[in-house]
Amino acid sequence: MRDMKLGIMAEFESPEALLLAVSKLREMGLRKLDAYTPYPIREIEPLLEIKRSYIPKVVLAMGLVGAAGAYTLQWWCAAVSYPLNVGGRPLHSAPAFIPITFETTVLFAAGTCFLLALYAAGLPRLHHPVFEVEGFESASIDGYWVAIAADDPKLDALVAERELIGAGATRVVQVNP
């Protein structure tokens, strides 16, 4: 989660233990959870209530805007603003407009995708409290972590810590935002 203030983090040795812990936390009524794993685990997405990204729809829309803009600009220049009859060709020659239209579509879509991906990831962000947690670097190698937000209304730190240890956590850490 982008602006989640961390309260408790726990490390697990396997994805199965992580899934069990997240299930137990959800049964306790906790909703503000996040997971950090070395590779995507599809089974955890419904447990964390991860929503589909809005980025593909916006990228498609901006690609279409780029295509429409490029085509309209070419048509305006060739047929309306400065019409030239060269060799008897029609003023509105659609096949001639295809390369520029395609390239502008790709430019708008790629630029939009790049900027939205940076925005959605919260970048550039130079510091995050999760990087202060001792041993968190294992999340990119072989560790499986779950984080509980400090502002979750159902969070009882002692009960949550006991549940995490019961689920097989190798380490439970209180994080100060």
Foldseek 3Di string as FASTA:
>chain_A
DQPFAFFKKFKFQDVVLVQQLLVVCVVLVAQAKDKFAQDDDVVCCVSNVPDDDPLVVVLQVQLVVQLVVQLVVQLCCQPPPDDDCDPNDDSNDVVVSVVNSNVSSCVRSVVSNVVVVCVVNVPPDDDDQCVVDPPSVCSNPRMMMMTGGPPGPSDDPVVSVVSSVVSHTPDMDTTGD
